[in-house]
Amino acid sequence: MADLPEQSHHTQAAHGFPPGFRLQNSYEFDHVFKTNKYRVSGPEFLVLATENQMNHCRLGMVIGKKTTGPAVQRNRVKRMIRESFRIHCNPTENAPHLDIVIVARTGVSKKDNGHLANVLSKGWGTLFNKATTSTYTSTQAST
């Protein structure tokens, strides 16, 4: 055990998932469901997004009991989504600012962590590519 690098729980806590980066109430979720401009769909997740007026992305998750099973599995899926969001959604001046809702589909809890990390990484890439292309196209059309 002495050979393993020390990984402090404080390191992960420093990255956190503060309330400002979450969709917090039903109005915010409903807004994304009703006005979603970007969609990314796969066998594990449906990702819906719409632009927001903030300088960063916000995330909401819909992880149902019937689709994922016991609380242990739901919480694992939520941790995977949050960690992937922290890694891939870094606010920069030219990145799109989105409100994002991820809906888990049946069977997602049966997938291993590596597979989920890969699927989420590809999903973020596709979503941000669509949003960036759309923003770039609409900016060019207005000039």
N, C-alpha and C. Protein backbone atom coordinates (compact mmCIF):
# COMPACT_ATOMS: atom_id res chain seq x y z
N MET A 1 0.82 -1.20 0.00
CA MET A 1 0.00 0.00 0.00
C MET A 1 0.86 1.26 0.00
N ALA A 2 2.08 1.18 0.51
CA ALA A 2 2.94 2.35 0.57
C ALA A 2 3.36 2.81 -0.83
N ASP A 3 3.30 1.91 -1.82
CA ASP A 3 3.72 2.26 -3.17
C ASP A 3 2.68 3.12 -3.90
N LEU A 4 1.44 3.06 -3.45
CA LEU A 4 0.39 3.81 -4.12
C LEU A 4 0.51 5.30 -3.82
N PRO A 5 0.27 6.14 -4.83
CA PRO A 5 0.31 7.58 -4.56
C PRO A 5 -0.83 7.96 -3.63
N GLU A 6 -0.56 8.88 -2.74
CA GLU A 6 -1.59 9.32 -1.81
C GLU A 6 -2.60 10.18 -2.54
N GLN A 7 -3.85 9.81 -2.41
CA GLN A 7 -4.92 10.58 -3.02
C GLN A 7 -5.83 11.04 -1.90
N SER A 8 -5.83 12.29 -1.67
CA SER A 8 -6.60 12.86 -0.59
C SER A 8 -8.04 13.09 -1.02
N HIS A 9 -8.95 12.87 -0.09
CA HIS A 9 -10.35 13.17 -0.37
C HIS A 9 -10.55 14.68 -0.48
N HIS A 10 -9.63 15.44 0.13
CA HIS A 10 -9.72 16.90 0.06
C HIS A 10 -9.50 17.39 -1.37
N THR A 11 -8.70 16.67 -2.14
CA THR A 11 -8.44 17.06 -3.52
C THR A 11 -9.73 17.04 -4.33
N GLN A 12 -10.50 15.97 -4.21
CA GLN A 12 -11.76 15.89 -4.94
C GLN A 12 -12.77 16.90 -4.41
N ALA A 13 -12.78 17.12 -3.11
CA ALA A 13 -13.72 18.06 -2.53
C ALA A 13 -13.45 19.47 -3.03
N ALA A 14 -12.18 19.79 -3.31
CA ALA A 14 -11.84 21.11 -3.81
C ALA A 14 -12.47 21.37 -5.17
N HIS A 15 -12.67 20.32 -5.97
CA HIS A 15 -13.28 20.49 -7.27
C HIS A 15 -14.78 20.63 -7.15
N GLY A 16 -15.39 19.94 -6.22
CA GLY A 16 -16.79 20.08 -5.85
C GLY A 16 -17.81 20.20 -6.96
N PHE A 17 -19.04 20.37 -6.58
CA PHE A 17 -20.14 20.58 -7.50
C PHE A 17 -21.09 21.58 -6.84
N PRO A 18 -20.68 22.86 -6.84
CA PRO A 18 -21.43 23.86 -6.08
C PRO A 18 -22.83 24.10 -6.66
N PRO A 19 -23.72 24.64 -5.85
CA PRO A 19 -25.11 24.86 -6.28
C PRO A 19 -25.24 25.71 -7.55
N GLY A 20 -24.32 26.61 -7.79
CA GLY A 20 -24.40 27.46 -8.98
C GLY A 20 -24.23 26.69 -10.29
N PHE A 21 -23.72 25.47 -10.21
CA PHE A 21 -23.51 24.65 -11.40
C PHE A 21 -24.59 23.58 -11.55
N ARG A 22 -25.66 23.67 -10.75
CA ARG A 22 -26.74 22.69 -10.79
C ARG A 22 -28.04 23.35 -11.21
N LEU A 23 -28.87 22.59 -11.89
CA LEU A 23 -30.26 23.00 -12.07
C LEU A 23 -30.95 22.61 -10.77
N GLN A 24 -31.63 23.56 -10.13
CA GLN A 24 -32.06 23.31 -8.76
C GLN A 24 -33.55 23.14 -8.55
N ASN A 25 -34.36 23.57 -9.49
CA ASN A 25 -35.79 23.43 -9.24
C ASN A 25 -36.51 22.99 -10.51
N SER A 26 -37.79 22.67 -10.37
CA SER A 26 -38.55 22.12 -11.49
C SER A 26 -38.70 23.12 -12.63
N TYR A 27 -38.70 24.42 -12.33
CA TYR A 27 -38.81 25.42 -13.39
C TYR A 27 -37.60 25.37 -14.32
N GLU A 28 -36.43 25.21 -13.73
CA GLU A 28 -35.21 25.15 -14.54
C GLU A 28 -35.18 23.88 -15.38
N PHE A 29 -35.58 22.76 -14.80
CA PHE A 29 -35.65 21.51 -15.55
C PHE A 29 -36.70 21.63 -16.67
N ASP A 30 -37.89 22.15 -16.35
CA ASP A 30 -38.95 22.30 -17.34
C ASP A 30 -38.51 23.18 -18.50
N HIS A 31 -37.77 24.24 -18.19
CA HIS A 31 -37.29 25.14 -19.25
C HIS A 31 -36.41 24.37 -20.24
N VAL A 32 -35.54 23.51 -19.74
CA VAL A 32 -34.68 22.73 -20.63
C VAL A 32 -35.50 21.72 -21.42
N PHE A 33 -36.44 21.05 -20.77
CA PHE A 33 -37.27 20.06 -21.46
C PHE A 33 -38.11 20.70 -22.57
N LYS A 34 -38.63 21.91 -22.32
CA LYS A 34 -39.52 22.54 -23.28
C LYS A 34 -38.78 23.29 -24.40
N THR A 35 -37.61 23.82 -24.10
CA THR A 35 -36.93 24.68 -25.08
C THR A 35 -35.59 24.12 -25.52
N ASN A 36 -35.36 22.81 -25.34
CA ASN A 36 -34.04 22.28 -25.67
C ASN A 36 -33.70 22.53 -27.12
N LYS A 37 -32.50 23.04 -27.32
CA LYS A 37 -32.02 23.37 -28.65
C LYS A 37 -31.05 22.31 -29.15
N TYR A 38 -30.42 21.60 -28.22
CA TYR A 38 -29.43 20.58 -28.57
C TYR A 38 -29.81 19.27 -27.90
N ARG A 39 -29.67 18.17 -28.68
CA ARG A 39 -29.97 16.83 -28.17
C ARG A 39 -28.85 15.89 -28.57
N VAL A 40 -28.45 15.06 -27.63
CA VAL A 40 -27.51 13.98 -27.92
C VAL A 40 -28.14 12.73 -27.32
N SER A 41 -28.30 11.71 -28.16
CA SER A 41 -29.00 10.52 -27.73
C SER A 41 -28.11 9.29 -27.90
N GLY A 42 -28.21 8.39 -26.96
CA GLY A 42 -27.49 7.13 -27.03
C GLY A 42 -28.24 6.09 -26.24
N PRO A 43 -27.74 4.85 -26.23
CA PRO A 43 -28.44 3.80 -25.49
C PRO A 43 -28.43 3.99 -23.98
N GLU A 44 -27.44 4.72 -23.45
CA GLU A 44 -27.33 4.89 -22.00
C GLU A 44 -27.99 6.18 -21.50
N PHE A 45 -27.87 7.27 -22.29
CA PHE A 45 -28.32 8.58 -21.84
C PHE A 45 -28.99 9.36 -22.96
N LEU A 46 -29.89 10.25 -22.57
CA LEU A 46 -30.41 11.29 -23.44
C LEU A 46 -29.95 12.60 -22.82
N VAL A 47 -29.30 13.44 -23.62
CA VAL A 47 -28.81 14.72 -23.13
C VAL A 47 -29.57 15.81 -23.86
N LEU A 48 -30.19 16.70 -23.08
CA LEU A 48 -30.91 17.85 -23.62
C LEU A 48 -30.24 19.11 -23.09
N ALA A 49 -30.14 20.13 -23.95
CA ALA A 49 -29.48 21.35 -23.51
C ALA A 49 -30.11 22.56 -24.18
N THR A 50 -30.04 23.67 -23.49
CA THR A 50 -30.45 24.95 -24.03
C THR A 50 -29.48 26.00 -23.51
N GLU A 51 -29.34 27.09 -24.23
CA GLU A 51 -28.39 28.12 -23.82
C GLU A 51 -28.91 28.86 -22.60
N ASN A 52 -27.97 29.32 -21.77
CA ASN A 52 -28.34 30.12 -20.61
C ASN A 52 -27.61 31.46 -20.65
N GLN A 53 -27.96 32.35 -19.73
CA GLN A 53 -27.37 33.69 -19.70
C GLN A 53 -26.24 33.81 -18.68
N MET A 54 -25.76 32.68 -18.18
CA MET A 54 -24.69 32.70 -17.20
C MET A 54 -23.35 32.53 -17.91
N ASN A 55 -22.29 32.58 -17.16
CA ASN A 55 -20.97 32.42 -17.78
C ASN A 55 -20.41 31.01 -17.57
N HIS A 56 -21.30 30.05 -17.36
CA HIS A 56 -20.89 28.66 -17.18
C HIS A 56 -22.07 27.73 -17.46
N CYS A 57 -21.77 26.45 -17.57
CA CYS A 57 -22.81 25.43 -17.77
C CYS A 57 -23.40 25.02 -16.44
N ARG A 58 -24.64 24.56 -16.48
CA ARG A 58 -25.29 23.99 -15.31
C ARG A 58 -25.83 22.62 -15.68
N LEU A 59 -25.85 21.73 -14.71
CA LEU A 59 -26.23 20.34 -14.95
C LEU A 59 -27.41 19.93 -14.08
N GLY A 60 -28.32 19.18 -14.68
CA GLY A 60 -29.41 18.53 -13.97
C GLY A 60 -29.46 17.08 -14.40
N MET A 61 -29.82 16.19 -13.50
CA MET A 61 -29.86 14.75 -13.81
C MET A 61 -31.23 14.19 -13.48
N VAL A 62 -31.71 13.31 -14.36
CA VAL A 62 -32.94 12.57 -14.12
C VAL A 62 -32.53 11.10 -14.14
N ILE A 63 -32.43 10.52 -12.94
CA ILE A 63 -31.99 9.14 -12.79
C ILE A 63 -33.10 8.41 -12.04
N GLY A 64 -33.96 7.73 -12.77
CA GLY A 64 -35.14 7.11 -12.16
C GLY A 64 -34.86 5.79 -11.48
N LYS A 65 -35.67 5.48 -10.47
CA LYS A 65 -35.55 4.21 -9.76
C LYS A 65 -35.81 3.03 -10.69
N LYS A 66 -36.78 3.18 -11.56
CA LYS A 66 -37.14 2.07 -12.44
C LYS A 66 -36.08 1.81 -13.51
N THR A 67 -35.35 2.83 -13.90
CA THR A 67 -34.36 2.64 -14.96
C THR A 67 -33.00 2.19 -14.42
N THR A 68 -32.67 2.53 -13.18
CA THR A 68 -31.33 2.22 -12.67
C THR A 68 -31.31 1.26 -11.50
N GLY A 69 -32.43 1.00 -10.87
CA GLY A 69 -32.44 0.04 -9.78
C GLY A 69 -32.10 0.64 -8.43
N PRO A 70 -31.39 -0.13 -7.60
CA PRO A 70 -31.15 0.29 -6.22
C PRO A 70 -30.39 1.61 -6.09
N ALA A 71 -30.54 2.24 -4.93
CA ALA A 71 -29.92 3.54 -4.67
C ALA A 71 -28.41 3.51 -4.89
N VAL A 72 -27.77 2.42 -4.55
CA VAL A 72 -26.32 2.32 -4.72
C VAL A 72 -25.94 2.52 -6.19
N GLN A 73 -26.70 1.90 -7.09
CA GLN A 73 -26.42 2.04 -8.52
C GLN A 73 -26.76 3.44 -9.03
N ARG A 74 -27.88 4.00 -8.57
CA ARG A 74 -28.25 5.37 -8.98
C ARG A 74 -27.18 6.35 -8.55
N ASN A 75 -26.71 6.21 -7.33
CA ASN A 75 -25.69 7.13 -6.83
C ASN A 75 -24.37 6.98 -7.58
N ARG A 76 -24.02 5.77 -7.97
CA ARG A 76 -22.79 5.55 -8.76
C ARG A 76 -22.91 6.25 -10.11
N VAL A 77 -24.06 6.11 -10.76
CA VAL A 77 -24.27 6.75 -12.06
C VAL A 77 -24.20 8.27 -11.89
N LYS A 78 -24.82 8.81 -10.85
CA LYS A 78 -24.78 10.25 -10.62
C LYS A 78 -23.35 10.74 -10.36
N ARG A 79 -22.58 9.99 -9.59
CA ARG A 79 -21.18 10.37 -9.36
C ARG A 79 -20.40 10.39 -10.66
N MET A 80 -20.62 9.39 -11.51
CA MET A 80 -19.93 9.33 -12.80
C MET A 80 -20.29 10.55 -13.66
N ILE A 81 -21.56 10.90 -13.70
CA ILE A 81 -22.00 12.04 -14.50
C ILE A 81 -21.40 13.34 -13.97
N ARG A 82 -21.46 13.53 -12.65
CA ARG A 82 -20.92 14.76 -12.06
C ARG A 82 -19.43 14.89 -12.32
N GLU A 83 -18.68 13.80 -12.15
CA GLU A 83 -17.24 13.84 -12.37
C GLU A 83 -16.92 14.15 -13.83
N SER A 84 -17.64 13.53 -14.74
CA SER A 84 -17.43 13.79 -16.16
C SER A 84 -17.77 15.24 -16.50
N PHE A 85 -18.84 15.77 -15.92
CA PHE A 85 -19.23 17.16 -16.12
C PHE A 85 -18.12 18.10 -15.65
N ARG A 86 -17.56 17.83 -14.47
CA ARG A 86 -16.48 18.67 -13.95
C ARG A 86 -15.28 18.68 -14.88
N ILE A 87 -14.96 17.52 -15.44
CA ILE A 87 -13.78 17.41 -16.31
C ILE A 87 -14.00 18.11 -17.64
N HIS A 88 -15.18 17.92 -18.25
CA HIS A 88 -15.39 18.36 -19.62
C HIS A 88 -16.04 19.73 -19.77
N CYS A 89 -16.65 20.25 -18.75
CA CYS A 89 -17.40 21.51 -18.87
C CYS A 89 -16.66 22.65 -18.20
N ASN A 90 -15.45 22.90 -18.62
CA ASN A 90 -14.68 24.01 -18.07
C ASN A 90 -15.12 25.31 -18.72
N PRO A 91 -15.46 26.30 -17.90
CA PRO A 91 -15.90 27.56 -18.49
C PRO A 91 -14.73 28.31 -19.15
N THR A 92 -14.89 28.63 -20.41
CA THR A 92 -13.95 29.48 -21.12
C THR A 92 -14.76 30.52 -21.87
N GLU A 93 -14.12 31.54 -22.34
CA GLU A 93 -14.87 32.63 -22.96
C GLU A 93 -15.57 32.22 -24.25
N ASN A 94 -15.01 31.26 -24.99
CA ASN A 94 -15.64 30.87 -26.25
C ASN A 94 -16.42 29.56 -26.16
N ALA A 95 -16.53 28.98 -24.96
CA ALA A 95 -17.33 27.77 -24.78
C ALA A 95 -18.80 28.17 -24.64
N PRO A 96 -19.70 27.35 -25.16
CA PRO A 96 -21.12 27.66 -25.01
C PRO A 96 -21.55 27.53 -23.54
N HIS A 97 -22.46 28.36 -23.13
CA HIS A 97 -22.99 28.33 -21.76
C HIS A 97 -24.37 27.69 -21.83
N LEU A 98 -24.48 26.50 -21.28
CA LEU A 98 -25.69 25.70 -21.45
C LEU A 98 -26.28 25.26 -20.13
N ASP A 99 -27.60 25.09 -20.13
CA ASP A 99 -28.29 24.35 -19.08
C ASP A 99 -28.50 22.95 -19.66
N ILE A 100 -27.99 21.93 -18.98
CA ILE A 100 -27.97 20.57 -19.50
C ILE A 100 -28.76 19.65 -18.56
N VAL A 101 -29.60 18.81 -19.16
CA VAL A 101 -30.28 17.76 -18.40
C VAL A 101 -29.89 16.42 -19.01
N ILE A 102 -29.43 15.51 -18.16
CA ILE A 102 -29.10 14.15 -18.60
C ILE A 102 -30.16 13.22 -18.04
N VAL A 103 -30.77 12.46 -18.93
CA VAL A 103 -31.78 11.47 -18.55
C VAL A 103 -31.17 10.08 -18.74
N ALA A 104 -31.11 9.31 -17.65
CA ALA A 104 -30.57 7.95 -17.73
C ALA A 104 -31.60 7.02 -18.34
N ARG A 105 -31.11 6.10 -19.15
CA ARG A 105 -31.99 5.13 -19.78
C ARG A 105 -31.83 3.77 -19.11
N THR A 106 -32.77 2.90 -19.38
CA THR A 106 -32.78 1.57 -18.78
C THR A 106 -31.48 0.83 -19.09
N GLY A 107 -30.93 0.20 -18.08
CA GLY A 107 -29.72 -0.61 -18.25
C GLY A 107 -28.43 0.14 -18.01
N VAL A 108 -28.49 1.44 -17.77
CA VAL A 108 -27.27 2.21 -17.57
C VAL A 108 -26.49 1.73 -16.35
N SER A 109 -27.20 1.27 -15.32
CA SER A 109 -26.52 0.84 -14.10
C SER A 109 -25.77 -0.48 -14.28
N LYS A 110 -26.04 -1.20 -15.35
CA LYS A 110 -25.35 -2.46 -15.60
C LYS A 110 -24.01 -2.26 -16.31
N LYS A 111 -23.76 -1.05 -16.79
CA LYS A 111 -22.51 -0.74 -17.49
C LYS A 111 -21.41 -0.44 -16.48
N ASP A 112 -20.17 -0.79 -16.83
CA ASP A 112 -19.07 -0.51 -15.90
C ASP A 112 -18.64 0.94 -16.00
N ASN A 113 -17.86 1.38 -15.02
CA ASN A 113 -17.44 2.78 -14.93
C ASN A 113 -16.66 3.24 -16.15
N GLY A 114 -15.78 2.39 -16.67
CA GLY A 114 -14.98 2.76 -17.84
C GLY A 114 -15.86 3.03 -19.05
N HIS A 115 -16.85 2.18 -19.24
CA HIS A 115 -17.77 2.35 -20.37
C HIS A 115 -18.56 3.65 -20.21
N LEU A 116 -19.08 3.90 -19.00
CA LEU A 116 -19.85 5.12 -18.77
C LEU A 116 -19.00 6.36 -18.97
N ALA A 117 -17.76 6.34 -18.50
CA ALA A 117 -16.86 7.48 -18.67
C ALA A 117 -16.63 7.75 -20.15
N ASN A 118 -16.44 6.71 -20.93
CA ASN A 118 -16.22 6.85 -22.37
C ASN A 118 -17.46 7.41 -23.07
N VAL A 119 -18.63 6.88 -22.73
CA VAL A 119 -19.88 7.34 -23.34
C VAL A 119 -20.13 8.81 -22.99
N LEU A 120 -19.92 9.17 -21.73
CA LEU A 120 -20.13 10.56 -21.32
C LEU A 120 -19.15 11.50 -22.00
N SER A 121 -17.90 11.10 -22.11
CA SER A 121 -16.89 11.93 -22.76
C SER A 121 -17.27 12.21 -24.21
N LYS A 122 -17.70 11.18 -24.93
CA LYS A 122 -18.13 11.35 -26.31
C LYS A 122 -19.38 12.23 -26.38
N GLY A 123 -20.29 12.04 -25.43
CA GLY A 123 -21.51 12.84 -25.40
C GLY A 123 -21.24 14.32 -25.20
N TRP A 124 -20.33 14.65 -24.26
CA TRP A 124 -19.97 16.06 -24.04
C TRP A 124 -19.36 16.64 -25.32
N GLY A 125 -18.47 15.87 -25.95
CA GLY A 125 -17.84 16.35 -27.18
C GLY A 125 -18.86 16.65 -28.26
N THR A 126 -19.80 15.75 -28.46
CA THR A 126 -20.85 15.94 -29.47
C THR A 126 -21.72 17.15 -29.12
N LEU A 127 -22.12 17.25 -27.85
CA LEU A 127 -22.97 18.36 -27.42
C LEU A 127 -22.29 19.70 -27.64
N PHE A 128 -21.05 19.83 -27.18
CA PHE A 128 -20.36 21.11 -27.29
C PHE A 128 -20.00 21.43 -28.74
N ASN A 129 -19.77 20.41 -29.54
CA ASN A 129 -19.54 20.64 -30.96
C ASN A 129 -20.80 21.20 -31.62
N LYS A 130 -21.96 20.62 -31.31
CA LYS A 130 -23.22 21.13 -31.86
C LYS A 130 -23.48 22.56 -31.40
N ALA A 131 -23.28 22.82 -30.12
CA ALA A 131 -23.55 24.15 -29.57
C ALA A 131 -22.58 25.18 -30.12
N THR A 132 -21.32 24.83 -30.25
CA THR A 132 -20.32 25.76 -30.77
C THR A 132 -20.59 26.05 -32.24
N THR A 133 -20.91 25.03 -33.01
CA THR A 133 -21.20 25.20 -34.43
C THR A 133 -22.44 26.08 -34.61
N SER A 134 -23.47 25.83 -33.81
CA SER A 134 -24.70 26.60 -33.90
C SER A 134 -24.45 28.06 -33.51
N THR A 135 -23.71 28.29 -32.45
CA THR A 135 -23.39 29.65 -32.00
C THR A 135 -22.56 30.36 -33.05
N TYR A 136 -21.58 29.66 -33.60
CA TYR A 136 -20.71 30.25 -34.62
C TYR A 136 -21.51 30.60 -35.87
N THR A 137 -22.40 29.72 -36.29
CA THR A 137 -23.21 29.94 -37.49
C THR A 137 -24.15 31.12 -37.29
N SER A 138 -24.82 31.20 -36.12
CA SER A 138 -25.75 32.30 -35.89
C SER A 138 -25.01 33.64 -35.73
N THR A 139 -23.80 33.62 -35.21
CA THR A 139 -23.00 34.84 -35.10
C THR A 139 -22.61 35.33 -36.47
N GLN A 140 -22.22 34.42 -37.36
CA GLN A 140 -21.83 34.80 -38.72
C GLN A 140 -23.04 35.30 -39.51
N ALA A 141 -24.21 34.73 -39.29
CA ALA A 141 -25.39 35.14 -40.03
C ALA A 141 -25.82 36.56 -39.65
N SER A 142 -25.58 36.94 -38.40
CA SER A 142 -26.00 38.27 -37.94
C SER A 142 -25.02 39.35 -38.35
N THR A 143 -23.81 39.00 -38.77
CA THR A 143 -22.84 40.03 -39.17
C THR A 143 -22.83 40.28 -40.64
